[in-house]
N, C-alpha and C. Protein backbone atom coordinates (compact mmCIF):
# COMPACT_ATOMS: atom_id res chain seq x y z
N UNK A 1 -3.06 -7.27 30.73
CA UNK A 1 -2.12 -7.47 29.24
C UNK A 1 -1.48 -5.95 29.24
N UNK A 2 0.25 -6.54 28.50
CA UNK A 2 1.26 -6.53 28.54
C UNK A 2 0.73 -4.96 27.57
N UNK A 3 1.20 -3.96 27.39
CA UNK A 3 1.25 -3.20 26.19
C UNK A 3 2.97 -2.91 26.00
N UNK A 4 3.16 -2.72 24.48
CA UNK A 4 4.33 -2.87 24.07
C UNK A 4 4.90 -1.29 23.73
N UNK A 5 5.31 -0.89 24.06
CA UNK A 5 6.20 0.32 23.12
C UNK A 5 6.28 1.22 21.96
N UNK A 6 5.79 2.03 20.96
CA UNK A 6 5.79 2.58 19.71
C UNK A 6 7.38 1.66 19.33
N UNK A 7 8.59 1.85 20.00
CA UNK A 7 9.77 1.50 19.19
C UNK A 7 9.93 -0.41 18.95
N UNK A 8 9.43 -1.12 20.21
CA UNK A 8 9.38 -2.52 20.08
C UNK A 8 8.26 -2.67 19.15
N UNK A 9 7.11 -1.94 18.53
CA UNK A 9 6.16 -1.98 17.88
C UNK A 9 6.31 -1.80 16.44
N UNK A 10 7.08 -1.21 16.49
CA UNK A 10 8.27 -0.53 14.99
C UNK A 10 9.52 -1.78 14.62
N UNK A 11 9.75 -2.41 15.94
CA UNK A 11 10.77 -3.17 15.44
C UNK A 11 9.68 -4.88 14.55
N UNK A 12 8.95 -5.12 14.82
CA UNK A 12 7.91 -6.30 15.22
C UNK A 12 7.60 -6.21 13.61
N UNK A 13 7.39 -5.11 13.16
CA UNK A 13 6.74 -5.08 11.36
C UNK A 13 5.32 -5.33 11.28
N UNK A 14 5.16 -6.62 10.73
CA UNK A 14 3.95 -7.47 11.02
C UNK A 14 3.24 -7.79 11.90
N UNK A 15 1.89 -7.28 12.41
CA UNK A 15 1.00 -7.66 13.66
C UNK A 15 -0.19 -8.23 12.82
N UNK A 16 -0.82 -9.47 13.62
CA UNK A 16 -1.99 -10.01 12.92
C UNK A 16 -2.85 -10.01 14.38
N UNK A 17 -4.43 -10.01 13.64
CA UNK A 17 -4.74 -9.66 15.02
C UNK A 17 -5.64 -11.57 15.33
N UNK A 18 -6.03 -11.48 16.09
CA UNK A 18 -6.38 -12.93 16.61
C UNK A 18 -7.57 -13.89 15.48
N UNK A 19 -7.65 -12.96 15.35
CA UNK A 19 -8.96 -14.25 14.05
C UNK A 19 -8.16 -14.32 13.03
N UNK A 20 -7.22 -12.97 11.97
CA UNK A 20 -6.55 -13.66 11.62
C UNK A 20 -5.54 -14.66 11.37
N UNK A 21 -4.64 -14.69 13.12
CA UNK A 21 -3.63 -15.66 13.49
C UNK A 21 -4.70 -16.86 13.34
N UNK A 22 -6.41 -16.90 13.97
CA UNK A 22 -6.44 -18.15 13.66
C UNK A 22 -7.54 -18.72 12.25
N UNK A 23 -7.45 -17.42 11.63
CA UNK A 23 -7.80 -18.21 9.87
C UNK A 23 -6.41 -19.28 9.47
N UNK A 24 -5.02 -18.54 9.32
CA UNK A 24 -4.35 -18.98 9.17
C UNK A 24 -3.50 -20.13 10.45
N UNK A 25 -3.73 -20.32 10.93
CA UNK A 25 -3.41 -21.66 11.59
C UNK A 25 -5.07 -22.65 11.82
N UNK A 26 -5.78 -21.88 10.69
CA UNK A 26 -7.05 -23.08 10.32
C UNK A 26 -7.91 -23.29 12.33
N UNK A 27 -7.77 -22.60 12.78
CA UNK A 27 -7.76 -22.48 14.21
C UNK A 27 -8.85 -21.96 14.84
N UNK A 28 -10.37 -22.30 15.64
CA UNK A 28 -11.23 -21.21 16.38
C UNK A 28 -10.55 -20.21 17.35
N UNK A 29 -10.95 -18.82 17.55
CA UNK A 29 -9.94 -18.10 17.76
C UNK A 29 -9.35 -18.55 18.96
N UNK A 30 -10.49 -19.41 19.81
CA UNK A 30 -10.33 -19.99 21.41
C UNK A 30 -8.90 -20.48 21.09
N UNK A 31 -9.02 -21.26 20.31
CA UNK A 31 -8.18 -22.39 20.54
C UNK A 31 -6.83 -21.25 20.16
N UNK A 32 -6.42 -20.70 19.64
CA UNK A 32 -5.70 -19.76 19.56
C UNK A 32 -4.92 -18.69 20.91
N UNK A 33 -6.32 -18.39 21.73
CA UNK A 33 -6.35 -17.32 23.42
C UNK A 33 -5.63 -18.76 23.81
N UNK A 34 -6.01 -20.63 23.57
CA UNK A 34 -5.39 -21.30 24.47
C UNK A 34 -3.37 -21.15 24.40
N UNK A 35 -3.70 -21.20 22.84
CA UNK A 35 -2.10 -20.88 22.87
C UNK A 35 -1.18 -19.65 23.80
N UNK A 36 -1.99 -18.38 23.30
CA UNK A 36 -1.66 -17.18 24.29
C UNK A 36 -1.57 -18.44 25.46
N UNK A 37 -2.34 -18.26 26.57
CA UNK A 37 -2.19 -18.67 27.45
C UNK A 37 -0.85 -19.54 27.65
N UNK A 38 -1.29 -21.08 26.97
CA UNK A 38 -0.11 -22.21 27.47
C UNK A 38 0.97 -21.23 27.26
N UNK A 39 1.93 -20.48 26.75
CA UNK A 39 2.68 -19.72 26.29
C UNK A 39 3.08 -20.06 24.55
N UNK A 40 2.49 -21.21 23.99
CA UNK A 40 3.40 -21.39 23.00
C UNK A 40 3.06 -19.90 21.49
N UNK A 41 2.43 -19.31 22.10
CA UNK A 41 2.52 -18.41 20.64
C UNK A 41 2.47 -17.16 21.67
N UNK A 42 2.65 -15.62 22.05
CA UNK A 42 2.67 -14.66 22.10
C UNK A 42 2.50 -13.27 21.37
N UNK A 43 1.90 -12.43 22.22
CA UNK A 43 1.23 -11.39 22.01
C UNK A 43 0.45 -10.36 22.71
N UNK A 44 0.81 -9.00 21.86
CA UNK A 44 0.63 -8.16 23.19
C UNK A 44 -0.55 -7.54 22.76
N UNK A 45 -0.53 -6.50 23.52
CA UNK A 45 -1.54 -4.96 23.54
C UNK A 45 -0.84 -4.30 22.41
N UNK A 46 -0.97 -3.54 21.68
CA UNK A 46 -0.16 -2.59 20.81
C UNK A 46 -0.14 -1.12 21.29
N UNK A 47 0.52 -0.24 20.83
CA UNK A 47 -0.18 1.25 21.17
C UNK A 47 -1.06 1.96 20.51
N UNK A 48 -2.31 1.27 19.60
CA UNK A 48 -3.37 2.05 19.45
C UNK A 48 -3.91 0.92 19.73
N UNK A 49 -4.24 0.13 20.89
CA UNK A 49 -5.74 -0.97 22.08
C UNK A 49 -5.32 -1.51 21.38
N UNK A 50 -5.02 -2.05 19.77
CA UNK A 50 -5.93 -3.24 19.30
C UNK A 50 -4.28 -4.84 19.67
N UNK A 51 -5.14 -5.75 19.57
CA UNK A 51 -3.96 -6.76 21.05
C UNK A 51 -3.26 -7.58 19.25
N UNK A 52 -2.26 -7.77 19.44
CA UNK A 52 -1.97 -8.29 18.03
C UNK A 52 -0.86 -9.12 18.42
N UNK A 53 -0.61 -9.96 17.31
CA UNK A 53 0.94 -11.48 17.30
C UNK A 53 1.28 -11.18 16.32
N UNK A 54 3.14 -11.25 16.23
CA UNK A 54 3.78 -11.23 15.64
C UNK A 54 3.55 -12.16 14.58
N UNK A 55 3.24 -11.58 12.83
CA UNK A 55 3.42 -12.82 11.78
C UNK A 55 4.11 -12.94 11.51
N UNK A 56 5.69 -13.18 11.95
CA UNK A 56 7.00 -14.06 12.32
C UNK A 56 6.89 -14.34 12.61
N UNK A 57 5.64 -15.25 13.74
CA UNK A 57 5.50 -16.24 14.75
C UNK A 57 4.84 -17.10 14.25
N UNK A 58 4.33 -17.02 13.04
CA UNK A 58 4.09 -17.41 12.30
C UNK A 58 4.54 -18.41 10.77
N UNK A 59 4.37 -19.51 10.33
CA UNK A 59 5.09 -19.90 9.25
C UNK A 59 4.00 -20.87 8.03
N UNK A 60 3.73 -20.33 7.48
CA UNK A 60 2.24 -20.85 6.51
C UNK A 60 1.20 -21.26 7.74
N UNK A 61 0.61 -22.49 7.92
CA UNK A 61 -0.19 -23.24 8.50
C UNK A 61 0.10 -23.01 10.07
N UNK A 62 1.17 -23.41 10.21
CA UNK A 62 1.70 -23.12 12.17
C UNK A 62 2.11 -22.52 12.28
N UNK A 63 2.49 -22.60 13.82
CA UNK A 63 3.06 -21.45 14.77
C UNK A 63 4.84 -21.96 14.63
N UNK A 64 6.04 -21.00 14.04
CA UNK A 64 7.12 -21.07 14.00
C UNK A 64 7.77 -22.14 14.85
N UNK A 65 8.09 -23.95 14.69
CA UNK A 65 8.89 -24.68 14.93
C UNK A 65 10.14 -23.32 15.79
N UNK A 66 9.86 -24.82 17.58
CA UNK A 66 10.81 -24.35 18.10
C UNK A 66 10.97 -22.68 18.88
N UNK A 67 9.75 -22.06 18.58
CA UNK A 67 9.31 -21.16 19.33
C UNK A 67 8.77 -21.19 20.63
N UNK A 68 8.05 -21.90 20.69
CA UNK A 68 7.41 -22.49 22.19
C UNK A 68 9.02 -22.49 22.97
N UNK A 69 9.90 -23.46 23.00
CA UNK A 69 10.51 -23.34 23.55
C UNK A 69 11.62 -22.50 24.01
N UNK A 70 12.30 -21.77 22.73
CA UNK A 70 11.98 -20.22 23.43
C UNK A 70 11.75 -19.79 24.38
N UNK A 71 10.33 -19.34 24.34
CA UNK A 71 9.36 -18.30 24.63
C UNK A 71 9.52 -19.46 26.01
N UNK A 72 9.25 -20.57 26.56
CA UNK A 72 9.40 -21.37 28.28
C UNK A 72 11.15 -20.69 28.58
N UNK A 73 11.90 -20.75 27.68
CA UNK A 73 13.39 -20.45 28.15
C UNK A 73 13.38 -18.77 28.62
N UNK A 74 13.29 -17.68 27.94
CA UNK A 74 12.56 -16.40 28.34
C UNK A 74 11.95 -15.91 29.95
N UNK A 75 10.85 -17.02 29.77
CA UNK A 75 9.48 -16.53 30.57
C UNK A 75 10.50 -17.11 31.59
N UNK A 76 11.60 -18.66 31.71
CA UNK A 76 11.50 -19.22 33.24
C UNK A 76 13.28 -17.51 33.92
N UNK A 77 13.80 -17.17 32.39
CA UNK A 77 14.74 -16.09 32.92
C UNK A 77 14.59 -15.18 33.57
N UNK A 78 13.02 -14.70 33.88
CA UNK A 78 11.96 -14.04 34.06
C UNK A 78 11.46 -12.21 33.76
N UNK A 79 11.40 -12.78 32.14
CA UNK A 79 11.16 -12.15 31.31
C UNK A 79 10.10 -11.64 31.14
N UNK A 80 9.07 -10.71 31.09
CA UNK A 80 8.15 -10.22 30.95
C UNK A 80 7.37 -10.47 29.44
N UNK A 81 6.32 -10.74 29.14
CA UNK A 81 5.78 -10.58 28.13
C UNK A 81 7.00 -9.62 26.67
N UNK A 82 6.16 -8.75 27.46
CA UNK A 82 6.57 -7.48 26.45
C UNK A 82 8.31 -7.43 26.20
N UNK A 83 9.34 -7.60 27.37
CA UNK A 83 10.83 -7.92 27.50
C UNK A 83 11.11 -8.67 26.33
N UNK A 84 10.48 -9.83 26.48
CA UNK A 84 10.37 -11.55 25.54
C UNK A 84 10.48 -11.01 23.73
N UNK A 85 9.44 -11.08 23.85
CA UNK A 85 8.92 -9.58 22.15
C UNK A 85 10.47 -9.00 21.97
N UNK A 86 10.86 -8.14 22.80
CA UNK A 86 11.52 -7.45 22.51
C UNK A 86 12.88 -7.88 21.71
N UNK A 87 13.14 -8.69 22.81
CA UNK A 87 14.13 -10.12 22.72
C UNK A 87 14.94 -10.21 21.19
N UNK A 88 12.85 -11.26 20.90
CA UNK A 88 13.18 -12.10 19.87
C UNK A 88 13.26 -11.15 18.79
N UNK A 89 12.77 -9.65 18.70
CA UNK A 89 13.03 -8.99 17.24
C UNK A 89 14.23 -8.18 17.11
N UNK A 90 15.27 -7.86 18.31
CA UNK A 90 16.17 -7.60 18.70
C UNK A 90 17.43 -7.85 18.03
N UNK A 91 17.87 -7.35 16.80
CA UNK A 91 19.33 -8.13 16.12
C UNK A 91 20.39 -8.57 17.40
N UNK A 92 21.35 -9.57 16.65
CA UNK A 92 22.29 -9.94 17.23
C UNK A 92 22.86 -10.54 16.55
N UNK A 93 24.15 -9.89 16.58
CA UNK A 93 25.46 -10.01 15.58
C UNK A 93 25.63 -11.60 15.72
N UNK A 94 26.39 -12.07 16.83
CA UNK A 94 26.39 -13.29 16.54
C UNK A 94 25.43 -14.21 16.11
N UNK A 95 24.27 -13.85 15.42
CA UNK A 95 23.43 -15.31 14.79
C UNK A 95 23.79 -15.16 14.15
N UNK A 96 23.84 -14.26 13.03
CA UNK A 96 23.42 -12.66 12.88
C UNK A 96 21.68 -13.14 13.00
N UNK A 97 21.45 -11.36 12.46
CA UNK A 97 19.97 -11.57 12.65
C UNK A 97 19.41 -11.33 13.95
N UNK A 98 18.03 -11.41 14.28
CA UNK A 98 17.34 -11.60 15.07
C UNK A 98 16.59 -12.99 16.06
N UNK A 99 16.93 -13.12 16.87
CA UNK A 99 16.81 -14.60 17.25
C UNK A 99 15.26 -15.60 16.72
N UNK A 100 14.14 -14.64 16.62
CA UNK A 100 12.94 -14.74 15.61
C UNK A 100 13.80 -15.44 14.05
N UNK A 101 14.57 -14.62 13.49
CA UNK A 101 15.02 -15.18 12.02
C UNK A 101 16.24 -16.42 12.41
N UNK A 102 16.65 -16.46 13.74
CA UNK A 102 16.72 -17.64 13.53
C UNK A 102 15.60 -19.13 13.81
N UNK A 103 15.28 -18.31 14.74
CA UNK A 103 14.42 -19.42 15.14
C UNK A 103 13.84 -20.02 13.49
N UNK A 104 12.98 -19.73 12.87
CA UNK A 104 12.79 -19.87 12.11
C UNK A 104 13.26 -20.35 10.76
N UNK A 105 14.56 -20.23 11.12
CA UNK A 105 16.03 -20.96 10.30
C UNK A 105 16.29 -21.76 10.96
N UNK A 106 15.60 -22.53 11.84
CA UNK A 106 15.83 -23.68 11.85
C UNK A 106 17.16 -23.85 13.30
N UNK A 107 17.71 -22.43 13.59
CA UNK A 107 18.91 -22.55 14.40
C UNK A 107 18.18 -22.24 15.96
N UNK A 108 17.79 -23.02 16.20
CA UNK A 108 16.90 -22.45 17.62
C UNK A 108 18.45 -23.34 18.95
N UNK A 109 18.66 -24.00 18.11
CA UNK A 109 19.53 -24.46 19.28
C UNK A 109 20.68 -23.29 20.14
N UNK A 110 21.11 -22.11 18.64
CA UNK A 110 22.29 -21.09 18.81
C UNK A 110 21.30 -20.12 20.04
N UNK A 111 20.04 -20.06 19.30
CA UNK A 111 19.02 -19.16 19.98
C UNK A 111 18.42 -19.44 21.54
N UNK A 112 19.00 -20.64 21.67
CA UNK A 112 18.80 -21.04 22.50
C UNK A 112 19.22 -20.83 23.54
N UNK A 113 20.94 -21.51 23.60
CA UNK A 113 21.82 -21.06 24.10
C UNK A 113 22.61 -19.48 24.54
N UNK A 114 21.38 -18.26 24.04
CA UNK A 114 21.54 -17.42 24.50
C UNK A 114 20.89 -16.93 25.09
N UNK A 115 19.63 -18.00 24.99
CA UNK A 115 18.19 -17.18 25.99
C UNK A 115 19.33 -18.01 27.39
N UNK A 116 19.57 -18.84 27.93
CA UNK A 116 20.10 -19.68 28.99
C UNK A 116 20.78 -18.17 29.43
N UNK A 117 21.26 -18.08 28.66
CA UNK A 117 22.73 -17.20 28.89
C UNK A 117 22.43 -16.16 30.11
N UNK A 118 21.04 -15.56 29.23
CA UNK A 118 20.30 -14.79 30.02
C UNK A 118 19.94 -14.35 31.27
N UNK A 119 20.56 -16.34 31.78
CA UNK A 119 19.29 -16.05 33.25
C UNK A 119 20.60 -16.03 34.08
N UNK A 120 21.82 -15.23 33.62
CA UNK A 120 23.07 -15.74 34.77
C UNK A 120 23.46 -14.31 34.73
């Protein structure tokens, strides 16, 4: 299980435990674990040892629309879980904001173009 560094942990801000994610999505914890295995959601071990999922990955009672496609792209580029998380939360002046903020604002195509460029 990948562990995130304290700096990246702070970039994320609000974290959710698996039971909290399950409650927000109205799913059993086992289904949330399946979303993680299927790379439709991303979580990492935090510096304190707890496993967490960024709250920014949820929009009300669902996973942020477009997150899965972007995760697929960055993993196809060879990113690890921690690198993907760091990239999603790093500010990009050309967006503006971070990739996760752009995804949440329904600007996935812009983010995905940048993710595809990472492969070259």
